[in-house]
């Protein structure tokens, strides 16, 4: 989707209302717009999306990739096939920025430099495991901002309680389906499913 300003007519079409309704939203200050030299109202895409989200209106499909743009996800898994599989799924789900770490030590370094919004973290890794990584993330300066999705093929109830107590936001059992992963991430980022 190009990032050019939208006309009131285009917004009316997207929202299934009349252009007069859109003009009323602008007049009432609900929808931020600017005036052209020809006295027409124009709305920047980011302001349109903000308006839709504020009033719980659905975001049209051709704008949904803009919601994920700039959102960063760090995948941490010692199984390269699993990490690459997760990366492919996420690339197909939006315009996320994605980085991968294949061990806990690398995850810490990348976390600080990359500053992800979400960390998908395997719990069972040699060396520094996912429990230690979770604890380390939560103790860092921006660690409270990032959401952590703990994953494992061998999760016990005790493991889930432990990682959640350390600060993880969600736990997923491997193998999980793509839809569950995407739904979980969008929920944590407060994005529409």
N, C-alpha and C. Protein backbone atom coordinates (compact mmCIF):
# COMPACT_ATOMS: atom_id res chain seq x y z
N UNK A 1 0.85 -1.19 0.00
CA UNK A 1 0.00 0.00 0.00
C UNK A 1 0.88 1.23 0.00
N UNK A 2 0.65 2.12 -0.94
CA UNK A 2 1.42 3.35 -0.96
C UNK A 2 1.01 4.24 0.20
N UNK A 3 1.88 5.15 0.54
CA UNK A 3 1.65 5.96 1.73
C UNK A 3 1.19 7.37 1.38
N UNK A 4 0.48 7.51 0.30
CA UNK A 4 -0.03 8.83 -0.09
C UNK A 4 -1.24 9.18 0.76
N UNK A 5 -1.56 10.46 0.90
CA UNK A 5 -2.75 10.84 1.68
C UNK A 5 -4.04 10.33 1.05
N UNK A 6 -5.04 10.13 1.88
CA UNK A 6 -6.33 9.62 1.43
C UNK A 6 -7.34 10.75 1.32
N UNK A 7 -8.23 10.63 0.35
CA UNK A 7 -9.32 11.60 0.21
C UNK A 7 -10.48 11.18 1.11
N UNK A 8 -11.40 12.09 1.35
CA UNK A 8 -12.58 11.76 2.15
C UNK A 8 -13.42 10.70 1.43
N UNK A 9 -13.43 10.75 0.11
CA UNK A 9 -14.17 9.75 -0.67
C UNK A 9 -13.59 8.36 -0.51
N UNK A 10 -12.25 8.26 -0.51
CA UNK A 10 -11.60 6.96 -0.32
C UNK A 10 -11.89 6.41 1.08
N UNK A 11 -11.82 7.27 2.07
CA UNK A 11 -12.09 6.84 3.44
C UNK A 11 -13.54 6.40 3.58
N UNK A 12 -14.44 7.14 2.95
CA UNK A 12 -15.86 6.77 2.98
C UNK A 12 -16.06 5.38 2.39
N UNK A 13 -15.36 5.11 1.30
CA UNK A 13 -15.47 3.80 0.66
C UNK A 13 -14.93 2.69 1.57
N UNK A 14 -13.78 2.92 2.18
CA UNK A 14 -13.20 1.93 3.08
C UNK A 14 -14.10 1.65 4.29
N UNK A 15 -14.73 2.70 4.80
CA UNK A 15 -15.55 2.57 6.02
C UNK A 15 -17.02 2.30 5.72
N UNK A 16 -17.40 2.28 4.46
CA UNK A 16 -18.78 2.03 4.05
C UNK A 16 -19.74 3.07 4.64
N UNK A 17 -19.34 4.34 4.51
CA UNK A 17 -20.17 5.47 4.93
C UNK A 17 -20.15 6.51 3.82
N UNK A 18 -20.90 7.59 3.97
CA UNK A 18 -20.88 8.65 2.97
C UNK A 18 -19.68 9.57 3.23
N UNK A 19 -19.27 10.30 2.20
CA UNK A 19 -18.15 11.21 2.38
C UNK A 19 -18.51 12.32 3.35
N UNK A 20 -19.83 12.66 3.46
CA UNK A 20 -20.27 13.68 4.43
C UNK A 20 -20.02 13.20 5.87
N UNK A 21 -20.18 11.91 6.10
CA UNK A 21 -19.88 11.35 7.43
C UNK A 21 -18.40 11.53 7.74
N UNK A 22 -17.55 11.28 6.75
CA UNK A 22 -16.11 11.45 6.94
C UNK A 22 -15.79 12.92 7.23
N UNK A 23 -16.42 13.83 6.49
CA UNK A 23 -16.20 15.26 6.75
C UNK A 23 -16.63 15.64 8.17
N UNK A 24 -17.69 15.05 8.66
CA UNK A 24 -18.15 15.29 10.03
C UNK A 24 -17.12 14.79 11.04
N UNK A 25 -16.54 13.60 10.77
CA UNK A 25 -15.48 13.09 11.65
C UNK A 25 -14.31 14.07 11.71
N UNK A 26 -13.98 14.65 10.55
CA UNK A 26 -12.88 15.61 10.48
C UNK A 26 -13.25 16.87 11.26
N UNK A 27 -14.46 17.41 11.01
CA UNK A 27 -14.92 18.62 11.69
C UNK A 27 -14.97 18.44 13.20
N UNK A 28 -15.37 17.24 13.66
CA UNK A 28 -15.47 16.96 15.10
C UNK A 28 -14.13 16.65 15.74
N UNK A 29 -13.07 16.62 14.93
CA UNK A 29 -11.74 16.35 15.46
C UNK A 29 -11.48 14.88 15.74
N UNK A 30 -12.35 14.01 15.28
CA UNK A 30 -12.16 12.57 15.49
C UNK A 30 -11.13 11.99 14.52
N UNK A 31 -11.10 12.54 13.32
CA UNK A 31 -10.18 12.08 12.28
C UNK A 31 -9.28 13.26 11.90
N UNK A 32 -7.99 13.10 12.16
CA UNK A 32 -7.03 14.17 11.89
C UNK A 32 -6.80 14.31 10.39
N UNK A 33 -6.99 15.53 9.88
CA UNK A 33 -6.83 15.79 8.45
C UNK A 33 -6.17 17.15 8.25
N UNK A 34 -5.77 17.40 7.03
CA UNK A 34 -5.26 18.73 6.68
C UNK A 34 -5.97 19.19 5.41
N UNK A 35 -5.90 20.49 5.16
CA UNK A 35 -6.57 21.07 3.99
C UNK A 35 -5.55 21.36 2.89
N UNK A 36 -5.95 21.05 1.67
CA UNK A 36 -5.12 21.36 0.51
C UNK A 36 -5.37 22.82 0.13
N UNK A 37 -4.51 23.41 -0.73
CA UNK A 37 -4.76 24.78 -1.18
C UNK A 37 -6.13 24.92 -1.88
N UNK A 38 -6.64 23.82 -2.41
CA UNK A 38 -7.95 23.84 -3.06
C UNK A 38 -9.09 23.58 -2.08
N UNK A 39 -8.79 23.59 -0.78
CA UNK A 39 -9.76 23.43 0.31
C UNK A 39 -10.38 22.03 0.37
N UNK A 40 -9.60 21.03 0.00
CA UNK A 40 -10.04 19.65 0.14
C UNK A 40 -9.37 19.05 1.36
N UNK A 41 -10.07 18.14 2.02
CA UNK A 41 -9.48 17.45 3.17
C UNK A 41 -8.69 16.24 2.72
N UNK A 42 -7.53 16.05 3.32
CA UNK A 42 -6.70 14.89 3.06
C UNK A 42 -6.28 14.30 4.41
N UNK A 43 -6.18 12.98 4.46
CA UNK A 43 -5.85 12.29 5.69
C UNK A 43 -4.64 11.39 5.44
N UNK A 44 -3.62 11.53 6.29
CA UNK A 44 -2.46 10.65 6.18
C UNK A 44 -2.87 9.25 6.61
N UNK A 45 -2.27 8.24 5.98
CA UNK A 45 -2.62 6.85 6.25
C UNK A 45 -2.48 6.53 7.73
N UNK A 46 -1.39 6.98 8.36
CA UNK A 46 -1.18 6.67 9.78
C UNK A 46 -2.31 7.24 10.64
N UNK A 47 -2.83 8.42 10.27
CA UNK A 47 -3.94 9.01 11.02
C UNK A 47 -5.24 8.25 10.80
N UNK A 48 -5.42 7.74 9.58
CA UNK A 48 -6.59 6.92 9.28
C UNK A 48 -6.57 5.64 10.11
N UNK A 49 -5.41 4.97 10.14
CA UNK A 49 -5.28 3.73 10.92
C UNK A 49 -5.49 4.01 12.40
N UNK A 50 -4.93 5.10 12.89
CA UNK A 50 -5.11 5.46 14.31
C UNK A 50 -6.60 5.69 14.61
N UNK A 51 -7.30 6.36 13.71
CA UNK A 51 -8.74 6.59 13.87
C UNK A 51 -9.49 5.26 13.93
N UNK A 52 -9.18 4.35 13.00
CA UNK A 52 -9.87 3.05 12.97
C UNK A 52 -9.64 2.28 14.27
N UNK A 53 -8.42 2.30 14.75
CA UNK A 53 -8.11 1.56 15.98
C UNK A 53 -8.75 2.22 17.20
N UNK A 54 -8.78 3.55 17.22
CA UNK A 54 -9.39 4.26 18.35
C UNK A 54 -10.87 3.93 18.48
N UNK A 55 -11.54 3.81 17.34
CA UNK A 55 -12.99 3.57 17.35
C UNK A 55 -13.34 2.10 17.06
N UNK A 56 -12.37 1.22 17.24
CA UNK A 56 -12.58 -0.23 17.08
C UNK A 56 -13.23 -0.60 15.76
N UNK A 57 -12.78 0.04 14.70
CA UNK A 57 -13.28 -0.26 13.36
C UNK A 57 -12.26 -1.16 12.66
N UNK A 58 -12.72 -2.05 11.80
CA UNK A 58 -11.77 -2.95 11.13
C UNK A 58 -10.81 -2.21 10.21
N UNK A 59 -9.56 -2.64 10.21
CA UNK A 59 -8.56 -2.07 9.33
C UNK A 59 -8.64 -2.82 8.00
N UNK A 60 -8.85 -2.09 6.88
CA UNK A 60 -8.93 -2.76 5.58
C UNK A 60 -7.68 -3.60 5.30
N UNK A 61 -7.85 -4.70 4.60
CA UNK A 61 -6.76 -5.63 4.34
C UNK A 61 -5.53 -4.97 3.73
N UNK A 62 -5.73 -4.05 2.80
CA UNK A 62 -4.57 -3.47 2.14
C UNK A 62 -3.79 -2.49 3.04
N UNK A 63 -4.25 -2.25 4.27
CA UNK A 63 -3.52 -1.42 5.22
C UNK A 63 -2.92 -2.25 6.35
N UNK A 64 -3.26 -3.53 6.43
CA UNK A 64 -2.85 -4.34 7.58
C UNK A 64 -1.34 -4.51 7.67
N UNK A 65 -0.65 -4.57 6.54
CA UNK A 65 0.81 -4.72 6.62
C UNK A 65 1.46 -3.50 7.27
N UNK A 66 0.79 -2.34 7.19
CA UNK A 66 1.33 -1.14 7.83
C UNK A 66 1.29 -1.26 9.36
N UNK A 67 0.37 -2.07 9.87
CA UNK A 67 0.28 -2.25 11.32
C UNK A 67 1.50 -2.97 11.87
N UNK A 68 2.05 -3.90 11.09
CA UNK A 68 3.18 -4.68 11.56
C UNK A 68 4.52 -4.05 11.19
N UNK A 69 4.50 -3.07 10.29
CA UNK A 69 5.74 -2.42 9.87
C UNK A 69 6.43 -1.80 11.09
N UNK A 70 7.71 -2.07 11.19
CA UNK A 70 8.48 -1.52 12.30
C UNK A 70 8.43 -2.36 13.56
N UNK A 71 7.54 -3.34 13.63
CA UNK A 71 7.50 -4.24 14.78
C UNK A 71 8.62 -5.26 14.61
N UNK A 72 9.41 -5.43 15.67
CA UNK A 72 10.58 -6.30 15.60
C UNK A 72 10.37 -7.57 16.40
N UNK A 73 10.78 -8.69 15.79
CA UNK A 73 10.67 -9.98 16.45
C UNK A 73 12.03 -10.67 16.42
N UNK A 74 12.46 -11.12 17.60
CA UNK A 74 13.70 -11.89 17.73
C UNK A 74 13.33 -13.34 17.99
N UNK A 75 13.79 -14.23 17.12
CA UNK A 75 13.56 -15.67 17.27
C UNK A 75 14.81 -16.26 17.88
N UNK A 76 14.66 -16.99 18.98
CA UNK A 76 15.80 -17.62 19.65
C UNK A 76 15.53 -19.12 19.74
N UNK A 77 16.27 -19.89 18.95
CA UNK A 77 16.10 -21.34 18.96
C UNK A 77 17.38 -21.98 18.43
N UNK A 78 17.89 -22.98 19.14
CA UNK A 78 19.11 -23.65 18.70
C UNK A 78 18.86 -24.58 17.52
N UNK A 79 17.61 -24.90 17.25
CA UNK A 79 17.23 -25.71 16.09
C UNK A 79 17.06 -24.77 14.90
N UNK A 80 18.05 -24.77 14.02
CA UNK A 80 18.03 -23.82 12.89
C UNK A 80 16.83 -24.03 11.98
N UNK A 81 16.41 -25.28 11.78
CA UNK A 81 15.24 -25.55 10.94
C UNK A 81 13.99 -24.93 11.55
N UNK A 82 13.82 -25.08 12.87
CA UNK A 82 12.67 -24.49 13.55
C UNK A 82 12.71 -22.97 13.47
N UNK A 83 13.87 -22.40 13.74
CA UNK A 83 14.01 -20.93 13.68
C UNK A 83 13.68 -20.41 12.29
N UNK A 84 14.18 -21.07 11.26
CA UNK A 84 13.91 -20.63 9.89
C UNK A 84 12.45 -20.83 9.51
N UNK A 85 11.83 -21.87 10.02
CA UNK A 85 10.41 -22.11 9.78
C UNK A 85 9.56 -21.01 10.40
N UNK A 86 9.87 -20.65 11.63
CA UNK A 86 9.15 -19.56 12.30
C UNK A 86 9.35 -18.26 11.54
N UNK A 87 10.57 -18.02 11.09
CA UNK A 87 10.87 -16.80 10.33
C UNK A 87 10.03 -16.73 9.05
N UNK A 88 9.91 -17.84 8.32
CA UNK A 88 9.09 -17.87 7.10
C UNK A 88 7.62 -17.56 7.41
N UNK A 89 7.11 -18.15 8.47
CA UNK A 89 5.71 -17.92 8.86
C UNK A 89 5.48 -16.44 9.15
N UNK A 90 6.40 -15.85 9.90
CA UNK A 90 6.25 -14.43 10.27
C UNK A 90 6.39 -13.50 9.07
N UNK A 91 7.27 -13.83 8.16
CA UNK A 91 7.42 -13.01 6.95
C UNK A 91 6.13 -13.00 6.14
N UNK A 92 5.43 -14.11 6.13
CA UNK A 92 4.16 -14.19 5.41
C UNK A 92 3.01 -13.52 6.14
N UNK A 93 3.21 -13.19 7.42
CA UNK A 93 2.13 -12.63 8.23
C UNK A 93 2.16 -11.12 8.33
N UNK A 94 3.19 -10.48 7.79
CA UNK A 94 3.25 -9.03 7.89
C UNK A 94 4.63 -8.52 7.58
N UNK A 95 4.80 -7.22 7.80
CA UNK A 95 6.06 -6.55 7.50
C UNK A 95 6.93 -6.45 8.74
N UNK A 96 7.00 -7.54 9.52
CA UNK A 96 7.83 -7.54 10.71
C UNK A 96 9.31 -7.47 10.33
N UNK A 97 10.10 -6.82 11.21
CA UNK A 97 11.56 -6.93 11.10
C UNK A 97 11.92 -8.14 11.96
N UNK A 98 12.72 -9.05 11.42
CA UNK A 98 13.01 -10.29 12.12
C UNK A 98 14.51 -10.51 12.21
N UNK A 99 14.95 -10.96 13.39
CA UNK A 99 16.33 -11.38 13.57
C UNK A 99 16.29 -12.73 14.27
N UNK A 100 17.38 -13.48 14.14
CA UNK A 100 17.45 -14.83 14.71
C UNK A 100 18.73 -14.98 15.51
N UNK A 101 18.59 -15.63 16.67
CA UNK A 101 19.74 -16.03 17.48
C UNK A 101 19.62 -17.54 17.70
N UNK A 102 20.77 -18.24 17.63
CA UNK A 102 20.74 -19.69 17.74
C UNK A 102 21.21 -20.21 19.10
N UNK A 103 21.47 -19.29 20.04
CA UNK A 103 21.80 -19.69 21.41
C UNK A 103 21.49 -18.55 22.36
N UNK A 104 21.49 -18.86 23.65
CA UNK A 104 21.12 -17.88 24.66
C UNK A 104 22.06 -16.70 24.75
N UNK A 105 23.36 -16.94 24.59
CA UNK A 105 24.33 -15.85 24.69
C UNK A 105 24.15 -14.86 23.54
N UNK A 106 23.97 -15.39 22.33
CA UNK A 106 23.74 -14.55 21.15
C UNK A 106 22.41 -13.79 21.30
N UNK A 107 21.43 -14.43 21.93
CA UNK A 107 20.12 -13.78 22.13
C UNK A 107 20.27 -12.52 22.97
N UNK A 108 21.07 -12.58 24.03
CA UNK A 108 21.27 -11.40 24.87
C UNK A 108 21.91 -10.26 24.12
N UNK A 109 22.92 -10.57 23.33
CA UNK A 109 23.60 -9.55 22.54
C UNK A 109 22.66 -8.94 21.52
N UNK A 110 21.91 -9.79 20.81
CA UNK A 110 20.99 -9.29 19.78
C UNK A 110 19.82 -8.53 20.40
N UNK A 111 19.38 -8.96 21.58
CA UNK A 111 18.27 -8.27 22.24
C UNK A 111 18.62 -6.80 22.47
N UNK A 112 19.82 -6.55 22.97
CA UNK A 112 20.23 -5.18 23.28
C UNK A 112 20.38 -4.35 22.01
N UNK A 113 20.96 -4.92 20.95
CA UNK A 113 21.16 -4.16 19.71
C UNK A 113 19.91 -4.02 18.86
N UNK A 114 19.09 -5.06 18.83
CA UNK A 114 17.92 -5.10 17.95
C UNK A 114 16.68 -4.48 18.59
N UNK A 115 16.58 -4.54 19.92
CA UNK A 115 15.45 -4.01 20.68
C UNK A 115 14.11 -4.52 20.14
N UNK A 116 13.87 -5.83 20.23
CA UNK A 116 12.63 -6.40 19.67
C UNK A 116 11.40 -6.06 20.49
N UNK A 117 10.25 -6.11 19.81
CA UNK A 117 8.96 -5.97 20.49
C UNK A 117 8.51 -7.31 21.04
N UNK A 118 8.89 -8.40 20.35
CA UNK A 118 8.53 -9.75 20.76
C UNK A 118 9.76 -10.65 20.64
N UNK A 119 9.94 -11.52 21.63
CA UNK A 119 10.99 -12.54 21.58
C UNK A 119 10.30 -13.90 21.60
N UNK A 120 10.56 -14.71 20.57
CA UNK A 120 10.07 -16.08 20.54
C UNK A 120 11.25 -16.93 21.00
N UNK A 121 11.11 -17.55 22.17
CA UNK A 121 12.26 -18.10 22.88
C UNK A 121 12.10 -19.58 23.21
N UNK A 122 13.00 -20.40 22.65
CA UNK A 122 13.03 -21.82 22.98
C UNK A 122 13.58 -21.96 24.40
N UNK A 123 12.93 -22.75 25.21
CA UNK A 123 13.34 -22.93 26.60
C UNK A 123 14.49 -23.93 26.72
N UNK A 124 14.47 -24.97 25.91
CA UNK A 124 15.47 -26.04 26.00
C UNK A 124 16.60 -25.79 25.00
N UNK A 125 17.63 -25.09 25.47
CA UNK A 125 18.82 -24.85 24.64
C UNK A 125 20.05 -25.19 25.48
N UNK A 126 21.09 -25.70 24.84
CA UNK A 126 22.32 -25.96 25.59
C UNK A 126 22.97 -24.65 26.04
N UNK A 127 23.74 -24.71 27.09
CA UNK A 127 24.40 -23.52 27.60
C UNK A 127 23.40 -22.66 28.35
N UNK A 128 23.23 -21.46 27.90
CA UNK A 128 22.26 -20.53 28.52
C UNK A 128 20.87 -20.88 28.00
N UNK A 129 20.04 -21.48 28.85
CA UNK A 129 18.71 -21.91 28.40
C UNK A 129 17.71 -20.74 28.40
N UNK A 130 16.50 -21.04 27.97
CA UNK A 130 15.46 -20.02 27.85
C UNK A 130 15.04 -19.40 29.18
N UNK A 131 15.16 -20.16 30.26
CA UNK A 131 14.84 -19.61 31.58
C UNK A 131 15.82 -18.48 31.92
N UNK A 132 17.12 -18.74 31.70
CA UNK A 132 18.14 -17.74 31.98
C UNK A 132 17.99 -16.53 31.05
N UNK A 133 17.65 -16.79 29.80
CA UNK A 133 17.46 -15.69 28.85
C UNK A 133 16.27 -14.82 29.28
N UNK A 134 15.17 -15.46 29.67
CA UNK A 134 13.99 -14.71 30.13
C UNK A 134 14.35 -13.82 31.31
N UNK A 135 15.04 -14.40 32.28
CA UNK A 135 15.44 -13.63 33.47
C UNK A 135 16.34 -12.46 33.07
N UNK A 136 17.29 -12.71 32.19
CA UNK A 136 18.20 -11.67 31.73
C UNK A 136 17.47 -10.54 31.00
N UNK A 137 16.53 -10.92 30.13
CA UNK A 137 15.76 -9.91 29.39
C UNK A 137 14.98 -9.02 30.36
N UNK A 138 14.33 -9.61 31.32
CA UNK A 138 13.52 -8.84 32.26
C UNK A 138 14.35 -7.93 33.15
N UNK A 139 15.63 -8.23 33.28
CA UNK A 139 16.50 -7.40 34.11
C UNK A 139 17.18 -6.28 33.32
N UNK A 140 17.04 -6.27 31.99
CA UNK A 140 17.68 -5.24 31.18
C UNK A 140 16.82 -3.97 31.14
N UNK A 141 17.41 -2.91 30.65
CA UNK A 141 16.77 -1.60 30.60
C UNK A 141 15.42 -1.63 29.88
N UNK A 142 15.35 -2.24 28.68
CA UNK A 142 14.11 -2.27 27.92
C UNK A 142 13.42 -3.62 27.99
N UNK A 143 13.87 -4.46 28.89
CA UNK A 143 13.33 -5.80 28.98
C UNK A 143 11.88 -5.88 29.36
N UNK A 144 11.37 -4.84 30.03
CA UNK A 144 9.97 -4.87 30.42
C UNK A 144 9.05 -4.54 29.26
N UNK A 145 9.57 -3.95 28.21
CA UNK A 145 8.76 -3.56 27.05
C UNK A 145 8.53 -4.73 26.11
N UNK A 146 9.52 -5.60 25.97
CA UNK A 146 9.41 -6.72 25.04
C UNK A 146 8.48 -7.80 25.59
N UNK A 147 7.72 -8.40 24.70
CA UNK A 147 6.87 -9.54 25.04
C UNK A 147 7.66 -10.81 24.76
N UNK A 148 7.50 -11.80 25.62
CA UNK A 148 8.24 -13.06 25.46
C UNK A 148 7.26 -14.21 25.28
N UNK A 149 7.44 -14.94 24.17
CA UNK A 149 6.67 -16.16 23.91
C UNK A 149 7.63 -17.33 24.09
N UNK A 150 7.47 -18.08 25.18
CA UNK A 150 8.32 -19.23 25.45
C UNK A 150 7.78 -20.43 24.68
N UNK A 151 8.69 -21.15 24.01
CA UNK A 151 8.28 -22.33 23.24
C UNK A 151 9.13 -23.53 23.65
N UNK A 152 8.54 -24.71 23.58
CA UNK A 152 9.29 -25.93 23.87
C UNK A 152 8.51 -27.14 23.40
N UNK A 153 9.26 -28.17 22.98
CA UNK A 153 8.64 -29.44 22.61
C UNK A 153 8.43 -30.31 23.85
N UNK A 154 9.05 -29.92 24.96
CA UNK A 154 9.00 -30.73 26.18
C UNK A 154 8.56 -29.90 27.38
N UNK A 155 7.54 -29.07 27.20
CA UNK A 155 7.04 -28.24 28.30
C UNK A 155 6.33 -29.10 29.34
N UNK A 156 6.69 -28.92 30.58
CA UNK A 156 5.91 -29.50 31.68
C UNK A 156 5.14 -28.35 32.31
N UNK A 157 4.14 -28.67 33.10
CA UNK A 157 3.40 -27.62 33.80
C UNK A 157 4.34 -26.81 34.69
N UNK A 158 5.28 -27.51 35.30
CA UNK A 158 6.26 -26.83 36.17
C UNK A 158 7.12 -25.85 35.37
N UNK A 159 7.56 -26.26 34.16
CA UNK A 159 8.35 -25.38 33.29
C UNK A 159 7.56 -24.12 32.93
N UNK A 160 6.28 -24.32 32.59
CA UNK A 160 5.45 -23.17 32.22
C UNK A 160 5.31 -22.21 33.38
N UNK A 161 5.05 -22.73 34.58
CA UNK A 161 4.93 -21.86 35.76
C UNK A 161 6.23 -21.11 36.00
N UNK A 162 7.35 -21.81 35.86
CA UNK A 162 8.66 -21.19 36.11
C UNK A 162 8.95 -20.06 35.12
N UNK A 163 8.76 -20.33 33.82
CA UNK A 163 9.09 -19.31 32.82
C UNK A 163 8.12 -18.12 32.90
N UNK A 164 6.85 -18.37 33.22
CA UNK A 164 5.90 -17.28 33.40
C UNK A 164 6.26 -16.44 34.63
N UNK A 165 6.71 -17.10 35.69
CA UNK A 165 7.14 -16.38 36.89
C UNK A 165 8.38 -15.53 36.62
N UNK A 166 9.23 -15.98 35.71
CA UNK A 166 10.42 -15.22 35.34
C UNK A 166 10.10 -14.03 34.45
N UNK A 167 8.88 -14.02 33.85
CA UNK A 167 8.48 -12.87 33.05
C UNK A 167 8.01 -13.14 31.65
N UNK A 168 7.92 -14.41 31.24
CA UNK A 168 7.37 -14.71 29.91
C UNK A 168 5.89 -14.32 29.88
N UNK A 169 5.40 -13.95 28.70
CA UNK A 169 4.00 -13.54 28.56
C UNK A 169 3.10 -14.67 28.10
N UNK A 170 3.64 -15.61 27.31
CA UNK A 170 2.87 -16.73 26.77
C UNK A 170 3.76 -17.95 26.65
N UNK A 171 3.15 -19.12 26.64
CA UNK A 171 3.87 -20.38 26.41
C UNK A 171 3.17 -21.13 25.29
N UNK A 172 3.95 -21.65 24.36
CA UNK A 172 3.41 -22.46 23.27
C UNK A 172 4.17 -23.78 23.21
N UNK A 173 3.41 -24.87 23.08
CA UNK A 173 4.01 -26.20 22.94
C UNK A 173 4.34 -26.45 21.48
N UNK A 174 5.59 -26.89 21.21
CA UNK A 174 5.96 -27.34 19.87
C UNK A 174 5.40 -28.74 19.68
N UNK A 175 4.95 -29.09 18.51
CA UNK A 175 4.77 -28.19 17.37
C UNK A 175 3.48 -27.39 17.53
N UNK A 176 3.52 -26.14 17.14
CA UNK A 176 2.33 -25.30 17.13
C UNK A 176 2.04 -24.93 15.68
N UNK A 177 0.79 -24.64 15.40
CA UNK A 177 0.46 -24.29 14.01
C UNK A 177 0.72 -22.80 13.79
N UNK A 178 0.90 -22.45 12.54
CA UNK A 178 1.22 -21.07 12.16
C UNK A 178 0.18 -20.08 12.65
N UNK A 179 -1.10 -20.45 12.52
CA UNK A 179 -2.18 -19.54 12.91
C UNK A 179 -2.12 -19.22 14.40
N UNK A 180 -1.79 -20.22 15.22
CA UNK A 180 -1.69 -19.99 16.67
C UNK A 180 -0.55 -19.03 16.98
N UNK A 181 0.58 -19.22 16.33
CA UNK A 181 1.73 -18.34 16.55
C UNK A 181 1.39 -16.90 16.16
N UNK A 182 0.82 -16.72 14.99
CA UNK A 182 0.49 -15.38 14.51
C UNK A 182 -0.56 -14.73 15.40
N UNK A 183 -1.58 -15.48 15.77
CA UNK A 183 -2.62 -14.96 16.66
C UNK A 183 -2.02 -14.52 18.01
N UNK A 184 -1.10 -15.32 18.55
CA UNK A 184 -0.46 -15.00 19.82
C UNK A 184 0.35 -13.71 19.71
N UNK A 185 1.14 -13.59 18.65
CA UNK A 185 1.97 -12.39 18.47
C UNK A 185 1.11 -11.15 18.26
N UNK A 186 0.09 -11.26 17.43
CA UNK A 186 -0.78 -10.11 17.19
C UNK A 186 -1.50 -9.70 18.47
N UNK A 187 -1.90 -10.67 19.27
CA UNK A 187 -2.55 -10.36 20.54
C UNK A 187 -1.59 -9.62 21.47
N UNK A 188 -0.37 -10.09 21.57
CA UNK A 188 0.61 -9.44 22.44
C UNK A 188 0.96 -8.03 21.96
N UNK A 189 0.92 -7.81 20.66
CA UNK A 189 1.21 -6.49 20.09
C UNK A 189 -0.04 -5.62 19.95
N UNK A 190 -1.17 -6.15 20.39
CA UNK A 190 -2.44 -5.43 20.31
C UNK A 190 -2.80 -5.07 18.87
N UNK A 191 -2.58 -6.04 17.97
CA UNK A 191 -2.93 -5.87 16.56
C UNK A 191 -4.17 -6.68 16.25
N UNK A 192 -4.98 -6.26 15.29
CA UNK A 192 -6.16 -7.05 14.93
C UNK A 192 -5.78 -8.38 14.30
N UNK A 193 -6.55 -9.42 14.58
CA UNK A 193 -6.29 -10.75 14.00
C UNK A 193 -6.91 -10.87 12.63
